[in-house]
């Protein structure tokens, strides 16, 4: 009975995700990090009008995803892609393990990711934050030391991080006056003329 309920819950989540994916906006795949930076989608489609759909097959853990594009179905191996944009306009990045990470700040240099798992039964759930120094760089756990290590030649950036970020969540805070996350604002400041060493 427990197994049946878990399978049923998974199916309902899959249906809910499929419905959300067909409810708004453009969707498509990013083949490379360069495509992501240039906002160049492969198999793009408008989920509201084109009958465009993106299926991740995460419940079945398949190594590919399926895109329905102008009535044609395409299967694409996840490990050949940088990521994708879903029909809600959210952007995601794949990693070597075929897991995908939601990108919180796709327009910025240092990309931030937040992975959440809701509590289910005895499992308490979690929130994990990650980053990559660029779209090409590997995804790493977001720690102050990892960010500093990603920019070994920028001592000013390391000093600004130490001065401004007492905990990891300080780096992900959005600086509304500058229109970017704190970690990216500090990186930008470290590169301004007269601020480096």
N, C-alpha and C. Protein backbone atom coordinates (compact mmCIF):
# COMPACT_ATOMS: atom_id res chain seq x y z
N UNK A 1 0.83 -1.20 0.00
CA UNK A 1 0.00 0.00 0.00
C UNK A 1 0.87 1.26 0.00
N UNK A 2 1.94 1.23 0.82
CA UNK A 2 2.84 2.37 0.90
C UNK A 2 3.49 2.64 -0.45
N UNK A 3 3.93 1.56 -1.10
CA UNK A 3 4.56 1.68 -2.42
C UNK A 3 3.58 2.26 -3.42
N UNK A 4 2.33 1.80 -3.38
CA UNK A 4 1.30 2.31 -4.29
C UNK A 4 1.10 3.80 -4.08
N UNK A 5 1.06 4.27 -2.84
CA UNK A 5 0.87 5.69 -2.55
C UNK A 5 2.05 6.51 -3.06
N UNK A 6 3.26 5.99 -2.91
CA UNK A 6 4.44 6.71 -3.39
C UNK A 6 4.40 6.83 -4.91
N UNK A 7 4.03 5.74 -5.58
CA UNK A 7 3.92 5.76 -7.05
C UNK A 7 2.83 6.73 -7.48
N UNK A 8 1.69 6.70 -6.80
CA UNK A 8 0.59 7.60 -7.12
C UNK A 8 1.01 9.06 -6.93
N UNK A 9 1.70 9.35 -5.84
CA UNK A 9 2.18 10.70 -5.58
C UNK A 9 3.13 11.14 -6.70
N UNK A 10 4.03 10.26 -7.10
CA UNK A 10 4.96 10.57 -8.18
C UNK A 10 4.23 10.87 -9.47
N UNK A 11 3.21 10.08 -9.78
CA UNK A 11 2.43 10.30 -11.01
C UNK A 11 1.71 11.65 -10.96
N UNK A 12 1.14 11.97 -9.81
CA UNK A 12 0.44 13.25 -9.66
C UNK A 12 1.41 14.42 -9.81
N UNK A 13 2.61 14.28 -9.25
CA UNK A 13 3.61 15.33 -9.40
C UNK A 13 4.01 15.48 -10.87
N UNK A 14 4.13 14.37 -11.56
CA UNK A 14 4.49 14.39 -12.98
C UNK A 14 3.40 15.10 -13.79
N UNK A 15 2.14 14.78 -13.52
CA UNK A 15 1.03 15.41 -14.22
C UNK A 15 0.98 16.89 -13.90
N UNK A 16 1.20 17.25 -12.61
CA UNK A 16 1.22 18.65 -12.22
C UNK A 16 2.34 19.41 -12.90
N UNK A 17 3.50 18.79 -12.99
CA UNK A 17 4.64 19.43 -13.66
C UNK A 17 4.35 19.59 -15.15
N UNK A 18 3.75 18.58 -15.76
CA UNK A 18 3.42 18.67 -17.18
C UNK A 18 2.41 19.79 -17.42
N UNK A 19 1.42 19.93 -16.52
CA UNK A 19 0.43 20.99 -16.65
C UNK A 19 1.10 22.35 -16.50
N UNK A 20 1.98 22.48 -15.51
CA UNK A 20 2.68 23.75 -15.30
C UNK A 20 3.53 24.09 -16.51
N UNK A 21 4.13 23.07 -17.14
CA UNK A 21 4.99 23.31 -18.27
C UNK A 21 4.21 23.77 -19.50
N UNK A 22 2.94 23.48 -19.56
CA UNK A 22 2.17 23.89 -20.73
C UNK A 22 1.37 25.16 -20.45
N UNK A 23 1.59 25.79 -19.29
CA UNK A 23 0.74 26.91 -18.92
C UNK A 23 1.25 28.27 -19.34
N UNK A 24 2.56 28.46 -19.62
CA UNK A 24 2.99 29.78 -20.02
C UNK A 24 4.38 29.77 -20.65
N UNK A 25 4.60 30.70 -21.56
CA UNK A 25 5.92 31.05 -22.03
C UNK A 25 6.64 30.13 -22.98
N UNK A 26 7.85 30.56 -23.32
CA UNK A 26 8.72 29.83 -24.22
C UNK A 26 9.59 28.85 -23.47
N UNK A 27 9.84 27.75 -24.10
CA UNK A 27 10.63 26.67 -23.53
C UNK A 27 11.60 26.19 -24.58
N UNK A 28 12.64 25.48 -24.15
CA UNK A 28 13.58 24.91 -25.10
C UNK A 28 14.82 24.40 -24.39
N UNK A 29 15.79 23.99 -25.19
CA UNK A 29 17.01 23.38 -24.66
C UNK A 29 18.21 24.28 -24.92
N UNK A 30 19.15 24.24 -23.99
CA UNK A 30 20.45 24.88 -24.19
C UNK A 30 21.46 23.77 -24.44
N UNK A 31 21.98 23.69 -25.64
CA UNK A 31 22.95 22.64 -25.96
C UNK A 31 24.28 22.86 -25.24
N UNK A 32 24.75 24.11 -25.18
CA UNK A 32 26.06 24.41 -24.59
C UNK A 32 25.96 25.59 -23.64
N UNK A 33 27.04 25.80 -22.89
CA UNK A 33 27.11 26.97 -22.00
C UNK A 33 27.07 28.25 -22.83
N UNK A 34 27.70 28.24 -24.01
CA UNK A 34 27.67 29.42 -24.88
C UNK A 34 26.23 29.71 -25.33
N UNK A 35 25.47 28.68 -25.67
CA UNK A 35 24.05 28.88 -26.01
C UNK A 35 23.29 29.51 -24.85
N UNK A 36 23.57 29.02 -23.64
CA UNK A 36 22.91 29.57 -22.46
C UNK A 36 23.24 31.05 -22.29
N UNK A 37 24.52 31.41 -22.38
CA UNK A 37 24.92 32.81 -22.21
C UNK A 37 24.29 33.70 -23.27
N UNK A 38 24.13 33.18 -24.49
CA UNK A 38 23.55 33.96 -25.58
C UNK A 38 22.03 33.84 -25.66
N UNK A 39 21.44 33.07 -24.74
CA UNK A 39 19.98 32.85 -24.68
C UNK A 39 19.48 32.22 -25.97
N UNK A 40 20.27 31.31 -26.56
CA UNK A 40 19.93 30.66 -27.82
C UNK A 40 19.36 29.28 -27.52
N UNK A 41 18.05 29.14 -27.69
CA UNK A 41 17.37 27.88 -27.41
C UNK A 41 17.34 26.98 -28.64
N UNK A 42 17.50 25.69 -28.42
CA UNK A 42 17.30 24.67 -29.43
C UNK A 42 15.90 24.09 -29.22
N UNK A 43 15.19 23.82 -30.29
CA UNK A 43 13.81 23.33 -30.23
C UNK A 43 12.93 24.25 -29.37
N UNK A 44 12.99 25.57 -29.63
CA UNK A 44 12.17 26.49 -28.83
C UNK A 44 10.71 26.40 -29.22
N UNK A 45 9.86 26.70 -28.27
CA UNK A 45 8.44 26.70 -28.57
C UNK A 45 7.66 27.46 -27.52
N UNK A 46 6.51 27.93 -27.93
CA UNK A 46 5.61 28.61 -27.03
C UNK A 46 4.63 27.58 -26.50
N UNK A 47 4.69 27.35 -25.22
CA UNK A 47 3.88 26.29 -24.60
C UNK A 47 2.38 26.59 -24.66
N UNK A 48 2.03 27.86 -24.80
CA UNK A 48 0.61 28.22 -24.84
C UNK A 48 -0.01 27.98 -26.21
N UNK A 49 0.76 28.17 -27.26
CA UNK A 49 0.17 28.15 -28.58
C UNK A 49 0.67 27.05 -29.50
N UNK A 50 1.86 26.53 -29.29
CA UNK A 50 2.46 25.58 -30.23
C UNK A 50 2.22 24.12 -29.88
N UNK A 51 1.59 23.82 -28.78
CA UNK A 51 1.50 22.43 -28.36
C UNK A 51 2.87 21.91 -27.97
N UNK A 52 3.74 22.81 -27.60
CA UNK A 52 5.12 22.50 -27.23
C UNK A 52 5.14 21.91 -25.82
N UNK A 53 5.91 20.81 -25.64
CA UNK A 53 6.01 20.19 -24.32
C UNK A 53 7.43 19.72 -24.09
N UNK A 54 7.81 19.71 -22.83
CA UNK A 54 9.12 19.23 -22.41
C UNK A 54 8.89 18.22 -21.30
N UNK A 55 9.35 16.98 -21.51
CA UNK A 55 9.19 15.93 -20.50
C UNK A 55 10.57 15.50 -20.02
N UNK A 56 10.78 15.58 -18.71
CA UNK A 56 12.10 15.26 -18.15
C UNK A 56 12.26 13.79 -17.80
N UNK A 57 11.18 13.06 -17.64
CA UNK A 57 11.22 11.64 -17.28
C UNK A 57 11.99 11.40 -15.98
N UNK A 58 11.86 12.33 -15.04
CA UNK A 58 12.62 12.18 -13.78
C UNK A 58 12.06 11.08 -12.90
N UNK A 59 10.78 10.81 -12.98
CA UNK A 59 10.19 9.76 -12.15
C UNK A 59 10.75 8.39 -12.54
N UNK A 60 10.98 8.20 -13.83
CA UNK A 60 11.51 6.94 -14.32
C UNK A 60 13.03 6.94 -14.44
N UNK A 61 13.66 8.07 -14.11
CA UNK A 61 15.13 8.23 -14.15
C UNK A 61 15.71 7.87 -15.51
N UNK A 62 15.06 8.30 -16.56
CA UNK A 62 15.58 8.02 -17.89
C UNK A 62 16.74 8.98 -18.20
N UNK A 63 17.71 8.55 -19.00
CA UNK A 63 18.87 9.39 -19.30
C UNK A 63 18.61 10.42 -20.40
N UNK A 64 17.38 10.52 -20.84
CA UNK A 64 17.04 11.47 -21.90
C UNK A 64 15.79 12.25 -21.48
N UNK A 65 15.56 13.33 -22.20
CA UNK A 65 14.30 14.06 -22.05
C UNK A 65 13.63 14.06 -23.41
N UNK A 66 12.35 14.37 -23.42
CA UNK A 66 11.58 14.39 -24.64
C UNK A 66 11.01 15.79 -24.85
N UNK A 67 11.17 16.29 -26.07
CA UNK A 67 10.60 17.58 -26.44
C UNK A 67 9.61 17.32 -27.57
N UNK A 68 8.39 17.79 -27.40
CA UNK A 68 7.41 17.76 -28.48
C UNK A 68 7.45 19.15 -29.10
N UNK A 69 7.87 19.19 -30.36
CA UNK A 69 8.11 20.45 -31.06
C UNK A 69 7.40 20.40 -32.41
N UNK A 70 6.38 21.24 -32.58
CA UNK A 70 5.59 21.28 -33.82
C UNK A 70 5.08 19.89 -34.20
N UNK A 71 4.58 19.16 -33.21
CA UNK A 71 4.00 17.85 -33.44
C UNK A 71 4.99 16.71 -33.57
N UNK A 72 6.28 17.02 -33.60
CA UNK A 72 7.33 16.00 -33.72
C UNK A 72 7.94 15.76 -32.34
N UNK A 73 8.19 14.50 -32.02
CA UNK A 73 8.78 14.15 -30.72
C UNK A 73 10.28 13.90 -30.89
N UNK A 74 11.07 14.58 -30.04
CA UNK A 74 12.53 14.43 -30.07
C UNK A 74 13.00 13.93 -28.71
N UNK A 75 13.88 12.93 -28.72
CA UNK A 75 14.53 12.46 -27.50
C UNK A 75 15.97 12.95 -27.52
N UNK A 76 16.38 13.58 -26.43
CA UNK A 76 17.73 14.14 -26.36
C UNK A 76 18.38 13.65 -25.07
N UNK A 77 19.59 13.10 -25.18
CA UNK A 77 20.31 12.63 -24.00
C UNK A 77 20.64 13.81 -23.09
N UNK A 78 20.33 13.67 -21.82
CA UNK A 78 20.57 14.75 -20.86
C UNK A 78 22.04 15.10 -20.76
N UNK A 79 22.91 14.10 -20.90
CA UNK A 79 24.34 14.38 -20.74
C UNK A 79 24.96 15.07 -21.95
N UNK A 80 24.15 15.37 -22.98
CA UNK A 80 24.64 16.14 -24.12
C UNK A 80 24.19 17.60 -24.06
N UNK A 81 23.49 17.96 -23.00
CA UNK A 81 22.91 19.30 -22.88
C UNK A 81 23.54 20.08 -21.74
N UNK A 82 23.57 21.41 -21.90
CA UNK A 82 23.90 22.28 -20.76
C UNK A 82 22.70 22.36 -19.83
N UNK A 83 21.51 22.61 -20.41
CA UNK A 83 20.32 22.77 -19.58
C UNK A 83 19.08 23.03 -20.43
N UNK A 84 18.09 23.64 -19.77
CA UNK A 84 16.82 23.90 -20.45
C UNK A 84 16.08 25.03 -19.78
N UNK A 85 15.11 25.58 -20.50
CA UNK A 85 14.16 26.56 -19.95
C UNK A 85 12.80 25.91 -20.00
N UNK A 86 12.10 25.88 -18.87
CA UNK A 86 10.78 25.26 -18.86
C UNK A 86 9.72 26.26 -19.30
N UNK A 87 8.49 25.81 -19.38
CA UNK A 87 7.40 26.65 -19.88
C UNK A 87 7.03 27.78 -18.94
N UNK A 88 7.52 27.73 -17.71
CA UNK A 88 7.29 28.82 -16.77
C UNK A 88 8.41 29.85 -16.82
N UNK A 89 9.36 29.66 -17.73
CA UNK A 89 10.47 30.61 -17.88
C UNK A 89 11.63 30.36 -16.94
N UNK A 90 11.55 29.30 -16.13
CA UNK A 90 12.65 28.98 -15.21
C UNK A 90 13.74 28.25 -15.99
N UNK A 91 14.99 28.47 -15.59
CA UNK A 91 16.10 27.86 -16.29
C UNK A 91 16.85 26.90 -15.38
N UNK A 92 17.35 25.83 -15.99
CA UNK A 92 17.98 24.75 -15.24
C UNK A 92 19.26 24.31 -15.95
N UNK A 93 20.16 23.75 -15.15
CA UNK A 93 21.42 23.24 -15.68
C UNK A 93 21.58 21.77 -15.31
N UNK A 94 21.98 20.97 -16.29
CA UNK A 94 22.28 19.57 -16.01
C UNK A 94 23.71 19.43 -15.50
N UNK A 95 23.94 18.39 -14.71
CA UNK A 95 25.29 18.04 -14.28
C UNK A 95 25.60 16.65 -14.82
N UNK A 96 26.82 16.20 -14.60
CA UNK A 96 27.26 14.91 -15.13
C UNK A 96 26.36 13.76 -14.68
N UNK A 97 25.81 13.86 -13.49
CA UNK A 97 24.93 12.82 -12.99
C UNK A 97 23.51 12.90 -13.52
N UNK A 98 23.29 13.73 -14.52
CA UNK A 98 21.98 13.92 -15.14
C UNK A 98 20.97 14.58 -14.22
N UNK A 99 21.45 15.06 -13.07
CA UNK A 99 20.59 15.83 -12.18
C UNK A 99 20.53 17.25 -12.73
N UNK A 100 19.44 17.94 -12.49
CA UNK A 100 19.37 19.32 -12.95
C UNK A 100 19.17 20.25 -11.77
N UNK A 101 19.77 21.43 -11.92
CA UNK A 101 19.78 22.43 -10.86
C UNK A 101 19.05 23.68 -11.35
N UNK A 102 18.10 24.20 -10.56
CA UNK A 102 17.45 25.46 -10.93
C UNK A 102 18.44 26.61 -10.81
N UNK A 103 18.53 27.43 -11.85
CA UNK A 103 19.43 28.58 -11.86
C UNK A 103 18.65 29.78 -11.34
N UNK A 104 19.13 30.37 -10.25
CA UNK A 104 18.42 31.48 -9.62
C UNK A 104 18.67 32.80 -10.33
N UNK A 105 19.85 32.96 -10.93
CA UNK A 105 20.24 34.25 -11.50
C UNK A 105 20.87 34.07 -12.89
N UNK A 106 20.10 33.66 -13.88
CA UNK A 106 20.68 33.30 -15.18
C UNK A 106 21.38 34.43 -15.92
N UNK A 107 21.15 35.68 -15.57
CA UNK A 107 21.76 36.80 -16.28
C UNK A 107 23.10 37.22 -15.69
N UNK A 108 23.54 36.59 -14.61
CA UNK A 108 24.76 37.02 -13.92
C UNK A 108 25.92 36.08 -14.20
N UNK A 109 27.14 36.53 -13.89
CA UNK A 109 28.34 35.73 -14.15
C UNK A 109 28.44 34.52 -13.24
N UNK A 110 28.45 34.76 -11.93
CA UNK A 110 28.47 33.65 -10.97
C UNK A 110 27.04 33.14 -10.87
N UNK A 111 26.82 31.91 -11.30
CA UNK A 111 25.47 31.35 -11.27
C UNK A 111 25.20 30.71 -9.92
N UNK A 112 24.01 30.94 -9.40
CA UNK A 112 23.59 30.37 -8.13
C UNK A 112 22.45 29.39 -8.37
N UNK A 113 22.47 28.30 -7.61
CA UNK A 113 21.49 27.23 -7.76
C UNK A 113 20.92 26.89 -6.39
N UNK A 114 19.65 26.54 -6.37
CA UNK A 114 19.01 26.16 -5.11
C UNK A 114 18.20 24.90 -5.35
N UNK A 115 18.57 23.83 -4.63
CA UNK A 115 17.88 22.55 -4.76
C UNK A 115 17.11 22.31 -3.47
N UNK A 116 15.80 22.09 -3.60
CA UNK A 116 14.96 21.86 -2.44
C UNK A 116 14.29 20.49 -2.53
N UNK A 117 14.24 19.81 -1.43
CA UNK A 117 13.52 18.55 -1.33
C UNK A 117 12.54 18.68 -0.17
N UNK A 118 11.26 18.55 -0.46
CA UNK A 118 10.24 18.67 0.58
C UNK A 118 10.31 17.47 1.51
N UNK A 119 9.89 17.69 2.74
CA UNK A 119 9.82 16.59 3.71
C UNK A 119 8.77 15.58 3.26
N UNK A 120 9.15 14.30 3.27
CA UNK A 120 8.23 13.22 2.91
C UNK A 120 8.39 12.12 3.95
N UNK A 121 7.30 11.82 4.65
CA UNK A 121 7.35 10.77 5.66
C UNK A 121 8.38 11.09 6.73
N UNK A 122 9.31 10.18 6.95
CA UNK A 122 10.35 10.38 7.96
C UNK A 122 11.54 11.18 7.44
N UNK A 123 11.60 11.39 6.13
CA UNK A 123 12.68 12.19 5.57
C UNK A 123 12.40 13.67 5.80
N UNK A 124 13.33 14.39 6.44
CA UNK A 124 13.06 15.77 6.84
C UNK A 124 13.07 16.79 5.71
N UNK A 125 13.59 16.46 4.55
CA UNK A 125 13.70 17.43 3.48
C UNK A 125 14.93 18.30 3.68
N UNK A 126 15.25 19.12 2.67
CA UNK A 126 16.44 19.95 2.76
C UNK A 126 16.40 21.06 1.73
N UNK A 127 17.27 22.04 1.93
CA UNK A 127 17.56 23.08 0.96
C UNK A 127 19.08 23.12 0.83
N UNK A 128 19.57 22.96 -0.41
CA UNK A 128 21.01 23.02 -0.65
C UNK A 128 21.28 24.08 -1.71
N UNK A 129 22.32 24.86 -1.46
CA UNK A 129 22.70 25.91 -2.41
C UNK A 129 24.04 25.55 -3.06
N UNK A 130 24.14 25.87 -4.35
CA UNK A 130 25.33 25.60 -5.13
C UNK A 130 25.67 26.84 -5.95
N UNK A 131 26.84 26.82 -6.57
CA UNK A 131 27.24 27.91 -7.45
C UNK A 131 28.16 27.37 -8.52
N UNK A 132 28.34 28.15 -9.56
CA UNK A 132 29.42 27.92 -10.52
C UNK A 132 29.99 29.29 -10.86
N UNK A 133 31.31 29.36 -10.98
CA UNK A 133 31.99 30.63 -11.22
C UNK A 133 31.61 31.24 -12.56
N UNK A 134 31.11 30.42 -13.47
CA UNK A 134 30.61 30.85 -14.77
C UNK A 134 29.72 29.73 -15.30
N UNK A 135 29.15 29.95 -16.47
CA UNK A 135 28.32 28.89 -17.06
C UNK A 135 29.16 27.67 -17.43
N UNK A 136 30.44 27.89 -17.72
CA UNK A 136 31.32 26.78 -18.10
C UNK A 136 31.91 26.05 -16.91
N UNK A 137 31.95 26.69 -15.76
CA UNK A 137 32.60 26.13 -14.57
C UNK A 137 31.74 25.05 -13.93
N UNK A 138 32.36 24.15 -13.18
CA UNK A 138 31.59 23.09 -12.53
C UNK A 138 30.69 23.64 -11.42
N UNK A 139 29.64 22.88 -11.12
CA UNK A 139 28.72 23.22 -10.04
C UNK A 139 29.32 22.69 -8.74
N UNK A 140 29.44 23.58 -7.75
CA UNK A 140 30.02 23.23 -6.45
C UNK A 140 29.09 23.67 -5.33
N UNK A 141 29.22 23.05 -4.15
CA UNK A 141 28.45 23.53 -3.01
C UNK A 141 28.80 24.98 -2.70
N UNK A 142 27.81 25.78 -2.37
CA UNK A 142 28.03 27.19 -2.08
C UNK A 142 28.56 27.35 -0.66
N UNK A 143 29.86 27.56 -0.58
CA UNK A 143 30.51 27.91 0.69
C UNK A 143 31.41 29.10 0.41
N UNK A 144 31.68 29.87 1.41
CA UNK A 144 32.56 31.02 1.26
C UNK A 144 33.92 30.57 0.73
N UNK A 145 34.45 29.49 1.27
CA UNK A 145 35.76 29.01 0.83
C UNK A 145 35.75 28.54 -0.62
N UNK A 146 34.70 27.86 -1.03
CA UNK A 146 34.62 27.41 -2.42
C UNK A 146 34.56 28.58 -3.40
N UNK A 147 33.82 29.63 -3.04
CA UNK A 147 33.74 30.80 -3.92
C UNK A 147 35.11 31.48 -3.98
N UNK A 148 35.76 31.63 -2.86
CA UNK A 148 37.09 32.24 -2.85
C UNK A 148 38.08 31.40 -3.68
N UNK A 149 38.01 30.10 -3.56
CA UNK A 149 38.89 29.21 -4.32
C UNK A 149 38.64 29.30 -5.83
N UNK A 150 37.42 29.62 -6.22
CA UNK A 150 37.07 29.72 -7.64
C UNK A 150 37.69 30.96 -8.30
N UNK A 151 38.15 31.90 -7.49
CA UNK A 151 38.77 33.13 -8.00
C UNK A 151 40.11 33.35 -7.30
N UNK A 152 41.06 32.44 -7.48
CA UNK A 152 42.31 32.49 -6.72
C UNK A 152 43.16 33.73 -7.00
N UNK A 153 43.04 34.33 -8.17
CA UNK A 153 43.86 35.49 -8.50
C UNK A 153 43.23 36.82 -8.14
N UNK A 154 42.03 36.82 -7.57
CA UNK A 154 41.34 38.07 -7.28
C UNK A 154 41.29 38.28 -5.76
N UNK A 155 42.37 38.77 -5.23
CA UNK A 155 42.47 38.97 -3.78
C UNK A 155 41.46 39.99 -3.26
N UNK A 156 41.21 41.02 -4.04
CA UNK A 156 40.24 42.04 -3.62
C UNK A 156 38.85 41.42 -3.45
N UNK A 157 38.46 40.55 -4.36
CA UNK A 157 37.17 39.86 -4.26
C UNK A 157 37.12 39.02 -2.98
N UNK A 158 38.18 38.32 -2.69
CA UNK A 158 38.25 37.50 -1.48
C UNK A 158 38.11 38.36 -0.22
N UNK A 159 38.75 39.53 -0.23
CA UNK A 159 38.65 40.44 0.92
C UNK A 159 37.24 40.99 1.07
N UNK A 160 36.62 41.35 -0.06
CA UNK A 160 35.24 41.85 -0.01
C UNK A 160 34.28 40.78 0.50
N UNK A 161 34.49 39.54 0.08
CA UNK A 161 33.66 38.44 0.56
C UNK A 161 33.79 38.30 2.08
N UNK A 162 35.02 38.32 2.57
CA UNK A 162 35.25 38.21 4.02
C UNK A 162 34.58 39.34 4.78
N UNK A 163 34.64 40.55 4.22
CA UNK A 163 34.08 41.72 4.90
C UNK A 163 32.56 41.78 4.86
N UNK A 164 31.97 41.32 3.75
CA UNK A 164 30.53 41.50 3.54
C UNK A 164 29.67 40.27 3.81
N UNK A 165 30.25 39.08 3.77
CA UNK A 165 29.46 37.85 3.84
C UNK A 165 29.85 37.04 5.06
N UNK A 166 29.05 37.13 6.08
CA UNK A 166 29.31 36.39 7.31
C UNK A 166 28.80 34.95 7.24
N UNK A 167 27.84 34.71 6.35
CA UNK A 167 27.31 33.36 6.14
C UNK A 167 26.97 33.20 4.66
N UNK A 168 26.79 31.96 4.23
CA UNK A 168 26.56 31.69 2.81
C UNK A 168 25.33 32.42 2.27
N UNK A 169 24.29 32.55 3.07
CA UNK A 169 23.07 33.21 2.58
C UNK A 169 23.31 34.68 2.24
N UNK A 170 24.34 35.30 2.82
CA UNK A 170 24.66 36.69 2.47
C UNK A 170 25.06 36.80 1.00
N UNK A 171 25.72 35.78 0.47
CA UNK A 171 26.17 35.82 -0.92
C UNK A 171 25.00 35.75 -1.89
N UNK A 172 23.92 35.07 -1.51
CA UNK A 172 22.78 34.90 -2.41
C UNK A 172 21.76 36.03 -2.29
N UNK A 173 21.94 36.91 -1.32
CA UNK A 173 21.00 38.01 -1.12
C UNK A 173 21.00 38.90 -2.36
N UNK A 174 19.82 39.39 -2.73
CA UNK A 174 19.69 40.25 -3.90
C UNK A 174 19.90 41.69 -3.48
N UNK A 175 20.83 42.35 -4.14
CA UNK A 175 21.11 43.77 -3.88
C UNK A 175 20.27 44.59 -4.86
N UNK A 176 19.11 45.05 -4.40
CA UNK A 176 18.15 45.74 -5.27
C UNK A 176 18.72 47.04 -5.84
N UNK A 177 19.54 47.72 -5.09
CA UNK A 177 20.08 48.99 -5.59
C UNK A 177 21.02 48.79 -6.78
N UNK A 178 21.64 47.62 -6.87
CA UNK A 178 22.54 47.34 -7.98
C UNK A 178 21.96 46.31 -8.96
N UNK A 179 20.82 45.74 -8.63
CA UNK A 179 20.13 44.82 -9.52
C UNK A 179 20.84 43.49 -9.73
N UNK A 180 21.53 43.01 -8.70
CA UNK A 180 22.22 41.72 -8.82
C UNK A 180 22.42 41.12 -7.43
N UNK A 181 22.80 39.86 -7.42
CA UNK A 181 23.07 39.20 -6.14
C UNK A 181 24.35 39.77 -5.53
N UNK A 182 24.46 39.66 -4.23
CA UNK A 182 25.59 40.23 -3.51
C UNK A 182 26.92 39.68 -4.02
N UNK A 183 27.02 38.38 -4.25
CA UNK A 183 28.29 37.80 -4.68
C UNK A 183 28.73 38.37 -6.02
N UNK A 184 27.79 38.61 -6.92
CA UNK A 184 28.13 39.19 -8.22
C UNK A 184 28.45 40.67 -8.11
N UNK A 185 27.78 41.36 -7.21
CA UNK A 185 28.09 42.79 -6.98
C UNK A 185 29.51 42.93 -6.42
N UNK A 186 29.88 42.06 -5.49
CA UNK A 186 31.23 42.12 -4.92
C UNK A 186 32.27 41.78 -5.99
N UNK A 187 31.97 40.81 -6.86
CA UNK A 187 32.89 40.49 -7.94
C UNK A 187 33.07 41.69 -8.87
N UNK A 188 31.97 42.34 -9.21
CA UNK A 188 32.04 43.52 -10.07
C UNK A 188 32.86 44.62 -9.40
N UNK A 189 32.62 44.87 -8.13
CA UNK A 189 33.38 45.90 -7.39
C UNK A 189 34.87 45.58 -7.36
N UNK A 190 35.20 44.30 -7.23
CA UNK A 190 36.61 43.92 -7.16
C UNK A 190 37.35 44.19 -8.46
N UNK A 191 36.62 44.29 -9.55
CA UNK A 191 37.24 44.49 -10.86
C UNK A 191 37.26 45.95 -11.30
N UNK A 192 36.67 46.83 -10.50
CA UNK A 192 36.64 48.25 -10.86
C UNK A 192 38.04 48.83 -10.72
N UNK A 193 38.40 49.74 -11.63
CA UNK A 193 39.73 50.36 -11.57
C UNK A 193 39.95 51.03 -10.21
N UNK A 194 41.13 50.84 -9.69
CA UNK A 194 41.47 51.47 -8.41
C UNK A 194 41.07 50.68 -7.19
N UNK A 195 40.34 49.55 -7.37
CA UNK A 195 39.94 48.77 -6.19
C UNK A 195 40.78 47.51 -6.04
N UNK A 196 41.50 47.12 -7.09
CA UNK A 196 42.31 45.89 -7.01
C UNK A 196 43.66 46.14 -6.39
N UNK A 197 44.36 45.04 -6.14
CA UNK A 197 45.71 45.16 -5.58
C UNK A 197 46.68 44.51 -6.49
